[in-house]
Amino acid sequence: MPQSGRPVLRPARAGMASLAAAAALLAAGLSQPASAAPPPSPGTTAPEPAADAAADGGTPSSATTLSEGWNSPWGIAFLPDGRSAMVTERLTYHVYRVDRDGTKKRVGAVPYTEAGPNDHGVGGLLGVTPSPSWNGTTDQRVYFMHTTKDETRVVRMNYDGTSLSGYTTVLGGIRRGGDHNGGRIAFGPDGYLYVTTGDGGRMDLAQDRNSLNGKILRITETGAPAPGNPFGNRVYSYGHRNPYGLAWDRNGRLWSVEIGASAWDELNLIKPGANYGWPTCEGACTTKGMTDPKETWRPAQAVPSQITVVRNVIYMSSLLGQRLWRIPIDGDSERVGEKTAFFTAEYGRLRAIAKVPGRDELWVGTSNNGSAKDRILRVTIR
């Protein structure tokens, strides 16, 4: 049930005047790929089509169990056909294909994955995203992010519609450490791959623009810096502690959520070259040159994991908070409205989240660290 009476910790702050998505890209100095990027498909996290203001909104009306018998599902990414999704399990390293009716089939595992306990912390198999043009025949590429014994990597495998094969490192050398590994990967509406990385337990790396850690990266499908990146390398934004979720709104703007240390968790509107403050700031910041979050939470209410956008509303899963947060975007502005919580403590820790293509519906995975006790929920937005 919604908790609209929950005290608001901090009102959403007004941002700068809104810009259209294309103008924002030009102002940022971003260029398009040399060959035209494939159009956003139902399997990507590209922005929703523009809609009248009256079409915005909606609230979760129900949650039912879609699929059971999961062990800490971490990532959900729909294939471009929109009929099924790839789902990763963090601690078994298994990958499944899940149909819309909840039927699941194990299609393989990601080699060289290693989670804790060890000196490096937990880690495991994290994010997943298919190529925007995946079709199982001429394009079989599916991308994963995982930790090995020594590092965090973005890798590519082939999925022919039946099973996974091959293994190619797209980007390695990302320091792993504790749970500060980021792990979310997604193709943006510009056709490039966006990657969230944690600080790896080294706070200073977040402010080092030559480090891959504590960043949101923007790369090509081969791992090279994407054209137009603000510093000429793979870094798109920096000053992050542990960014998890990525989602684009209807105007093509990128949003992310971030797990703080002990004071504040954050929702950020990501802009190229911006510094989001860690470790100097956690939450709002008065330091010159650092960018404030658009919303914050105390860790007991959040520890945010992932986000998606439905009808210009951000939905955020939370771990310690054990609830689904609804944060409406204020029209085409850079402001957000009042946040509201749903399903508090009903299903435990919530992590993986994805919008079902063509429907006002979410798939949300629980992450209660119990062997085969987790599930994927179907949440209807009305």
Protein backbone atom coordinates (compact mmCIF):
# COMPACT_ATOMS: atom_id res chain seq x y z
CA MET A 1 0.00 0.00 0.00
CA PRO A 2 1.25 3.55 -0.62
CA GLN A 3 2.69 5.49 2.29
CA SER A 4 1.89 9.00 1.18
CA GLY A 5 1.90 10.14 4.80
CA ARG A 6 5.56 9.22 5.26
CA PRO A 7 7.59 12.30 6.28
CA VAL A 8 9.54 13.82 3.44
CA LEU A 9 13.21 14.04 4.42
CA ARG A 10 14.09 16.83 2.03
CA PRO A 11 11.96 18.51 -0.60
CA ALA A 12 13.09 18.06 -4.16
CA ARG A 13 15.27 20.92 -5.28
CA ALA A 14 14.62 22.92 -8.41
CA GLY A 15 17.12 22.31 -11.18
CA MET A 16 18.14 24.37 -14.18
CA ALA A 17 15.68 25.14 -16.92
CA SER A 18 14.83 22.06 -18.94
CA LEU A 19 16.32 21.43 -22.38
CA ALA A 20 15.11 19.21 -25.12
CA ALA A 21 17.07 15.99 -25.41
CA ALA A 22 18.71 16.89 -28.71
CA ALA A 23 19.75 20.32 -27.49
CA ALA A 24 21.20 18.79 -24.34
CA LEU A 25 23.34 16.45 -26.39
CA LEU A 26 24.63 19.28 -28.56
CA ALA A 27 25.42 21.46 -25.54
CA ALA A 28 27.36 18.58 -24.03
CA GLY A 29 29.46 18.24 -27.15
CA LEU A 30 28.33 14.68 -27.71
CA SER A 31 28.47 13.27 -31.21
CA GLN A 32 26.56 10.45 -32.81
CA PRO A 33 28.31 7.25 -33.88
CA ALA A 34 30.10 7.34 -37.22
CA SER A 35 27.45 5.00 -38.57
CA ALA A 36 23.93 5.73 -37.45
CA ALA A 37 23.10 4.07 -34.14
CA PRO A 38 20.34 1.45 -34.30
CA PRO A 39 16.96 2.79 -33.26
CA PRO A 40 16.09 2.05 -29.63
CA SER A 41 14.42 -1.34 -29.44
CA PRO A 42 11.97 -2.73 -26.88
CA GLY A 43 14.86 -4.46 -25.13
CA THR A 44 16.85 -1.32 -24.36
CA THR A 45 16.42 1.33 -21.70
CA ALA A 46 15.95 4.08 -24.26
CA PRO A 47 13.50 6.86 -23.43
CA GLU A 48 9.79 6.35 -23.67
CA PRO A 49 8.05 8.19 -26.52
CA ALA A 50 6.95 11.70 -25.67
CA ALA A 51 3.43 11.77 -24.29
CA ASP A 52 0.89 14.36 -23.33
CA ALA A 53 1.13 15.52 -19.74
CA ALA A 54 -2.20 13.80 -19.08
CA ALA A 55 -0.57 10.46 -19.89
CA ASP A 56 2.07 10.91 -17.18
CA GLY A 57 1.75 9.29 -13.79
CA GLY A 58 0.03 6.16 -12.57
CA THR A 59 0.74 4.23 -9.38
CA PRO A 60 1.46 0.58 -8.57
CA SER A 61 -1.89 -1.16 -8.12
CA SER A 62 -0.84 -4.75 -7.47
CA ALA A 63 2.12 -7.09 -7.16
CA THR A 64 1.92 -10.78 -7.95
CA THR A 65 4.55 -13.50 -8.21
CA LEU A 66 5.72 -14.05 -11.78
CA SER A 67 8.46 -16.59 -11.09
CA GLU A 68 9.84 -18.39 -8.02
CA GLY A 69 12.94 -20.35 -7.04
CA TRP A 70 15.52 -17.59 -7.57
CA ASN A 71 18.81 -17.04 -5.77
CA SER A 72 19.53 -13.28 -5.62
CA PRO A 73 18.59 -12.16 -9.16
CA TRP A 74 20.68 -9.05 -9.95
CA GLY A 75 19.85 -7.90 -13.46
CA ILE A 76 16.80 -8.06 -15.76
CA ALA A 77 17.09 -6.95 -19.39
CA PHE A 78 14.47 -7.59 -22.08
CA LEU A 79 15.59 -8.87 -25.46
CA PRO A 80 14.75 -6.62 -28.42
CA ASP A 81 11.78 -8.79 -29.39
CA GLY A 82 10.18 -7.77 -26.07
CA ARG A 83 8.82 -11.28 -25.46
CA SER A 84 11.40 -12.43 -22.93
CA ALA A 85 14.19 -11.17 -20.71
CA MET A 86 17.68 -12.22 -19.66
CA VAL A 87 18.09 -12.50 -15.89
CA THR A 88 21.38 -12.90 -13.98
CA GLU A 89 21.85 -14.53 -10.58
CA ARG A 90 24.51 -12.81 -8.53
CA LEU A 91 25.89 -15.73 -6.51
CA THR A 92 25.32 -18.76 -8.78
CA TYR A 93 26.64 -16.91 -11.89
CA HIS A 94 23.77 -18.44 -13.87
CA VAL A 95 21.88 -16.69 -16.66
CA TYR A 96 18.24 -17.42 -17.45
CA ARG A 97 15.77 -16.53 -20.17
CA VAL A 98 12.36 -15.69 -18.71
CA ASP A 99 9.24 -15.48 -20.87
CA ARG A 100 6.37 -13.12 -20.15
CA ASP A 101 4.35 -15.93 -18.59
CA GLY A 102 7.14 -16.53 -16.05
CA THR A 103 8.60 -19.62 -17.67
CA LYS A 104 12.34 -19.68 -17.11
CA LYS A 105 15.15 -21.61 -18.73
CA ARG A 106 18.80 -21.65 -17.75
CA VAL A 107 20.87 -20.70 -20.81
CA GLY A 108 24.36 -20.77 -19.31
CA ALA A 109 26.75 -19.08 -16.93
CA VAL A 110 29.41 -16.38 -17.17
CA PRO A 111 32.92 -17.91 -16.89
CA TYR A 112 35.60 -16.65 -14.51
CA THR A 113 33.04 -15.05 -12.18
CA GLU A 114 34.05 -15.06 -8.54
CA ALA A 115 32.18 -13.70 -5.55
CA GLY A 116 33.15 -13.62 -1.87
CA PRO A 117 33.87 -14.40 0.78
CA ASN A 118 37.42 -13.36 0.00
CA ASP A 119 39.63 -10.34 0.52
CA HIS A 120 37.83 -8.49 -2.24
CA GLY A 121 34.28 -8.76 -0.85
CA VAL A 122 31.10 -10.09 -2.42
CA GLY A 123 30.88 -9.13 -6.10
CA GLY A 124 29.53 -11.83 -8.43
CA LEU A 125 27.48 -11.73 -11.63
CA LEU A 126 25.90 -8.31 -11.97
CA GLY A 127 24.39 -6.41 -14.91
CA VAL A 128 23.22 -7.68 -18.28
CA THR A 129 22.13 -6.00 -21.52
CA PRO A 130 21.65 -7.36 -25.04
CA SER A 131 22.92 -5.62 -28.13
CA PRO A 132 20.16 -3.25 -29.32
CA SER A 133 20.07 -5.21 -32.58
CA TRP A 134 20.23 -8.73 -31.07
CA ASN A 135 18.23 -11.20 -33.14
CA GLY A 136 19.82 -14.54 -32.23
CA THR A 137 21.25 -15.07 -35.71
CA THR A 138 23.25 -12.27 -37.34
CA ASP A 139 23.61 -10.50 -33.99
CA GLN A 140 23.99 -12.71 -30.91
CA ARG A 141 25.78 -10.27 -28.62
CA VAL A 142 24.84 -10.01 -24.96
CA TYR A 143 26.92 -7.99 -22.49
CA PHE A 144 27.53 -8.75 -18.82
CA MET A 145 29.32 -7.09 -15.91
CA HIS A 146 30.92 -9.35 -13.31
CA THR A 147 33.77 -9.68 -10.86
CA THR A 148 36.65 -12.08 -11.34
CA LYS A 149 39.23 -12.99 -8.73
CA ASP A 150 41.17 -9.81 -9.42
CA GLU A 151 38.94 -7.20 -11.09
CA THR A 152 35.54 -6.11 -12.33
CA ARG A 153 34.90 -6.56 -16.06
CA VAL A 154 32.43 -5.84 -18.82
CA VAL A 155 32.34 -8.86 -21.14
CA ARG A 156 30.51 -10.03 -24.24
CA MET A 157 29.05 -13.47 -24.94
CA ASN A 158 26.95 -14.93 -27.74
CA TYR A 159 23.34 -16.01 -27.20
CA ASP A 160 21.76 -17.87 -30.13
CA GLY A 161 18.32 -18.04 -28.56
CA THR A 162 19.11 -21.32 -26.82
CA SER A 163 22.42 -21.06 -24.97
CA LEU A 164 25.37 -18.79 -24.21
CA SER A 165 28.82 -19.33 -25.68
CA GLY A 166 32.12 -17.51 -26.10
CA TYR A 167 33.64 -14.93 -23.79
CA THR A 168 35.32 -11.67 -24.79
CA THR A 169 36.53 -8.99 -22.39
CA VAL A 170 35.18 -5.62 -23.50
CA LEU A 171 36.58 -3.59 -20.59
CA GLY A 172 38.74 -4.83 -17.74
CA GLY A 173 40.97 -3.22 -15.13
CA ILE A 174 38.13 -1.91 -12.95
CA ARG A 175 39.11 -2.25 -9.30
CA ARG A 176 36.78 -4.49 -7.29
CA GLY A 177 36.26 -4.01 -3.59
CA GLY A 178 33.55 -5.03 -1.13
CA ASP A 179 30.15 -4.18 -2.53
CA HIS A 180 31.49 -0.99 -4.18
CA ASN A 181 31.40 -2.46 -7.68
CA GLY A 182 28.53 -0.62 -9.35
CA GLY A 183 27.49 -3.17 -11.94
CA ARG A 184 24.67 -1.72 -14.04
CA ILE A 185 25.16 -1.65 -17.82
CA ALA A 186 22.73 -0.36 -20.46
CA PHE A 187 22.75 0.94 -24.01
CA GLY A 188 21.63 4.54 -24.21
CA PRO A 189 19.47 6.15 -26.87
CA ASP A 190 22.70 7.24 -28.59
CA GLY A 191 23.71 3.61 -29.18
CA TYR A 192 26.63 3.62 -26.72
CA LEU A 193 27.11 1.44 -23.66
CA TYR A 194 26.86 3.08 -20.23
CA VAL A 195 28.55 1.40 -17.25
CA THR A 196 28.33 2.21 -13.53
CA THR A 197 31.43 1.55 -11.42
CA GLY A 198 31.93 1.86 -7.67
CA ASP A 199 34.98 3.33 -5.99
CA GLY A 200 36.27 -0.19 -5.23
CA GLY A 201 36.85 0.76 -1.60
CA ARG A 202 39.29 3.53 -2.62
CA MET A 203 37.46 6.83 -2.11
CA ASP A 204 40.16 8.87 -3.83
CA LEU A 205 39.58 7.10 -7.14
CA ALA A 206 36.13 8.68 -7.49
CA GLN A 207 37.74 12.11 -8.05
CA ASP A 208 40.50 10.81 -10.34
CA ARG A 209 39.26 11.40 -13.88
CA ASN A 210 41.85 8.96 -15.22
CA SER A 211 40.52 6.09 -13.08
CA LEU A 212 37.67 3.80 -14.15
CA ASN A 213 36.33 3.61 -10.59
CA GLY A 214 33.65 5.78 -9.00
CA LYS A 215 32.29 6.69 -12.43
CA ILE A 216 29.61 6.35 -15.02
CA LEU A 217 31.45 5.32 -18.17
CA ARG A 218 30.32 5.69 -21.79
CA ILE A 219 31.98 3.29 -24.21
CA THR A 220 31.62 1.71 -27.64
CA GLU A 221 30.67 -1.93 -28.12
CA THR A 222 34.38 -2.77 -28.23
CA GLY A 223 35.17 -0.92 -24.99
CA ALA A 224 36.78 2.17 -26.52
CA PRO A 225 35.90 5.68 -25.29
CA ALA A 226 32.69 6.82 -26.99
CA PRO A 227 33.09 9.85 -29.29
CA GLY A 228 32.28 13.14 -27.61
CA ASN A 229 33.02 12.04 -24.05
CA PRO A 230 33.83 15.11 -21.91
CA PHE A 231 37.44 14.22 -21.02
CA GLY A 232 38.43 12.29 -24.12
CA ASN A 233 38.51 8.99 -22.23
CA ARG A 234 35.81 6.55 -21.07
CA VAL A 235 34.56 8.77 -18.22
CA TYR A 236 31.12 10.35 -18.62
CA SER A 237 30.58 11.54 -15.02
CA TYR A 238 32.60 11.17 -11.83
CA GLY A 239 32.56 11.64 -8.07
CA HIS A 240 30.39 8.57 -7.49
CA ARG A 241 30.62 6.21 -4.52
CA ASN A 242 28.54 3.27 -5.73
CA PRO A 243 26.12 4.12 -8.56
CA TYR A 244 23.69 1.34 -9.40
CA GLY A 245 20.60 2.17 -11.43
CA LEU A 246 20.50 3.77 -14.90
CA ALA A 247 17.41 4.93 -16.78
CA TRP A 248 16.54 7.48 -19.46
CA ASP A 249 13.40 9.60 -19.26
CA ARG A 250 11.13 10.57 -22.17
CA ASN A 251 13.46 13.47 -23.05
CA GLY A 252 16.51 11.22 -23.28
CA ARG A 253 18.01 12.44 -19.99
CA LEU A 254 20.00 10.00 -17.91
CA TRP A 255 19.14 9.33 -14.24
CA SER A 256 21.05 7.22 -11.73
CA VAL A 257 20.74 6.19 -8.10
CA GLU A 258 23.68 5.88 -5.75
CA ILE A 259 24.32 4.15 -2.44
CA GLY A 260 25.83 6.52 0.11
CA ALA A 261 28.07 5.72 3.06
CA SER A 262 26.02 6.43 6.19
CA ALA A 263 24.13 9.70 5.73
CA TRP A 264 22.35 9.95 2.39
CA ASP A 265 21.47 7.83 -0.63
CA GLU A 266 20.94 9.78 -3.85
CA LEU A 267 18.94 10.15 -7.05
CA ASN A 268 21.03 12.06 -9.60
CA LEU A 269 20.35 13.58 -13.00
CA ILE A 270 23.54 12.69 -14.87
CA LYS A 271 25.21 15.22 -17.13
CA PRO A 272 28.44 14.74 -19.08
CA GLY A 273 31.52 15.90 -17.20
CA ALA A 274 29.64 16.61 -13.96
CA ASN A 275 31.21 15.88 -10.55
CA TYR A 276 28.76 14.29 -8.08
CA GLY A 277 30.85 15.00 -5.02
CA TRP A 278 32.08 11.78 -3.45
CA PRO A 279 34.00 11.63 -1.12
CA THR A 280 33.82 15.38 -0.39
CA CYS A 281 30.03 15.32 -0.23
CA GLU A 282 27.31 12.84 0.56
CA GLY A 283 23.90 14.23 -0.34
CA ALA A 284 23.55 17.99 -0.84
CA CYS A 285 26.83 19.88 -1.15
CA THR A 286 27.94 23.49 -0.97
CA THR A 287 31.37 22.84 -2.49
CA LYS A 288 31.87 24.73 -5.74
CA GLY A 289 31.92 22.59 -8.85
CA MET A 290 30.00 19.67 -7.38
CA THR A 291 26.50 18.64 -8.46
CA ASP A 292 23.65 18.15 -6.00
CA PRO A 293 21.32 15.16 -6.13
CA LYS A 294 17.69 15.69 -7.13
CA GLU A 295 16.46 13.62 -4.19
CA THR A 296 17.92 11.89 -1.13
CA TRP A 297 16.98 9.21 1.38
CA ARG A 298 18.28 8.06 4.72
CA PRO A 299 19.82 4.57 4.30
CA ALA A 300 17.17 2.96 6.52
CA GLN A 301 14.55 3.99 3.95
CA ALA A 302 16.46 3.08 0.84
CA VAL A 303 19.95 1.78 0.00
CA PRO A 304 18.79 2.13 -3.62
CA SER A 305 19.52 -0.52 -6.18
CA GLN A 306 18.01 0.02 -9.62
CA ILE A 307 15.57 2.30 -11.44
CA THR A 308 13.31 2.36 -14.47
CA VAL A 309 10.92 4.93 -15.95
CA VAL A 310 7.21 4.41 -16.67
CA ARG A 311 5.07 7.32 -17.95
CA ASN A 312 7.63 9.90 -16.83
CA VAL A 313 7.82 8.43 -13.32
CA ILE A 314 10.99 6.93 -11.85
CA TYR A 315 10.55 3.66 -9.96
CA MET A 316 13.38 2.70 -7.61
CA SER A 317 13.96 -0.62 -5.88
CA SER A 318 15.57 -0.53 -2.44
CA LEU A 319 17.50 -3.05 -0.39
CA LEU A 320 17.65 -2.00 3.26
CA GLY A 321 14.45 0.02 2.83
CA GLN A 322 12.62 -3.04 1.46
CA ARG A 323 10.20 -0.97 -0.61
CA LEU A 324 9.49 0.29 -4.10
CA TRP A 325 9.82 4.06 -4.42
CA ARG A 326 7.83 6.16 -6.88
CA ILE A 327 9.43 9.52 -7.85
CA PRO A 328 7.55 11.54 -10.49
CA ILE A 329 9.50 13.79 -12.85
CA ASP A 330 7.93 17.26 -12.92
CA GLY A 331 6.88 17.43 -16.57
CA ASP A 332 9.85 18.27 -18.77
CA SER A 333 11.71 20.10 -16.01
CA GLU A 334 14.73 18.87 -14.07
CA ARG A 335 12.71 18.71 -10.86
CA VAL A 336 11.11 15.71 -9.22
CA GLY A 337 7.92 15.61 -7.20
CA GLU A 338 7.12 14.04 -3.85
CA LYS A 339 8.41 10.49 -3.42
CA THR A 340 6.05 7.74 -2.27
CA ALA A 341 6.79 4.22 -1.00
CA PHE A 342 4.94 1.01 -1.88
CA PHE A 343 5.05 -2.60 -0.63
CA THR A 344 7.14 -1.70 2.43
CA ALA A 345 8.55 -4.88 4.06
CA GLU A 346 6.07 -7.06 2.13
CA TYR A 347 8.65 -8.82 -0.02
CA GLY A 348 11.96 -8.06 1.68
CA ARG A 349 14.90 -6.56 -0.18
CA LEU A 350 14.17 -5.44 -3.74
CA ARG A 351 16.94 -5.20 -6.36
CA ALA A 352 16.47 -6.04 -10.05
CA ILE A 353 13.86 -3.95 -11.88
CA ALA A 354 12.78 -3.52 -15.50
CA LYS A 355 9.85 -2.10 -17.43
CA VAL A 356 8.00 -4.64 -19.58
CA PRO A 357 8.06 -3.40 -23.19
CA GLY A 358 4.68 -2.17 -24.42
CA ARG A 359 3.02 -2.42 -21.02
CA ASP A 360 2.71 -0.27 -17.90
CA GLU A 361 4.20 -3.10 -15.90
CA LEU A 362 7.38 -3.78 -13.95
CA TRP A 363 9.33 -6.91 -13.17
CA VAL A 364 10.97 -6.60 -9.76
CA GLY A 365 13.35 -9.17 -8.26
CA THR A 366 13.76 -9.81 -4.54
CA SER A 367 17.24 -10.21 -3.06
CA ASN A 368 16.90 -11.89 0.31
CA ASN A 369 20.07 -13.98 0.04
CA GLY A 370 18.21 -17.21 0.59
CA SER A 371 18.94 -20.26 -1.52
CA ALA A 372 16.15 -20.50 -4.11
CA LYS A 373 13.85 -18.38 -1.94
CA ASP A 374 13.79 -15.23 -4.04
CA ARG A 375 11.21 -14.41 -6.69
CA ILE A 376 10.41 -12.04 -9.51
CA LEU A 377 7.29 -9.95 -8.99
CA ARG A 378 4.95 -8.56 -11.62
CA VAL A 379 3.88 -5.02 -10.63
CA THR A 380 1.04 -3.38 -12.55
CA ILE A 381 0.95 0.41 -12.93
CA ARG A 382 -2.54 1.95 -13.15
